[in-house]
Amino acid sequence: MSTALGSNTSLVIIGAPSEKQRTVEEHNRTFWDMLRGLRICDPRPWPEDIPQDTEDAKWTFCFNREPVFPAMLTPTHQKRWSRHMSVPVIALQPKWVLDNLLGTPEKRKAAQRKVRNLLQKYDTIGVSPDLTAYGAVGTSEARQLCLQDKNESVQCPYRNFDS
């Protein structure tokens, strides 16, 4: 995704409606497999300054050497309405967009407070304990990408997208 597209650009992949009922876990597995496929097709090497271990606090998904924040939304989320859509959707936000919007620690904290307040009003389940600050010790951004419809952590099935 290029900055030439604008300062607040995203890529949104919208899945087709399906008659088959799938669980949140099945949608999430498809999401991880899609990210793995993107990595396999990526013509550029992984950035040296981004760890490849998905459990590392500084890991983030990258494509074409660009760090992005991908998130999965599904029709089967019934409690976490912030992750509900009528069809499967994957939203990929370039990290440079987030850096532009949240460029200072004060802006980042204010945005986090606002988002948490909105989640408490919108979702019928408490804020996921996996929604943490990027890079915080003992956390993994990978756990935020596919939130469950319950407050249980799920690890990425790929410890490293290159292996």
Foldseek 3Di string as FASTA:
>chain_A
DDCVVDLWDKDKDFDDQDPDDDALVVLVLVVLVVLLVQVVPAPDDADPVADQFQQALRHARDGVNFGKQKAWAACNQDQQVVRHDNTIMIMITTVSSVCVQQVDPVSVVVVVVVVLVVSVVPGNAHDAPLPDDRSPPRHGSQQVRRDHSYNDTDHRPDRGSVD
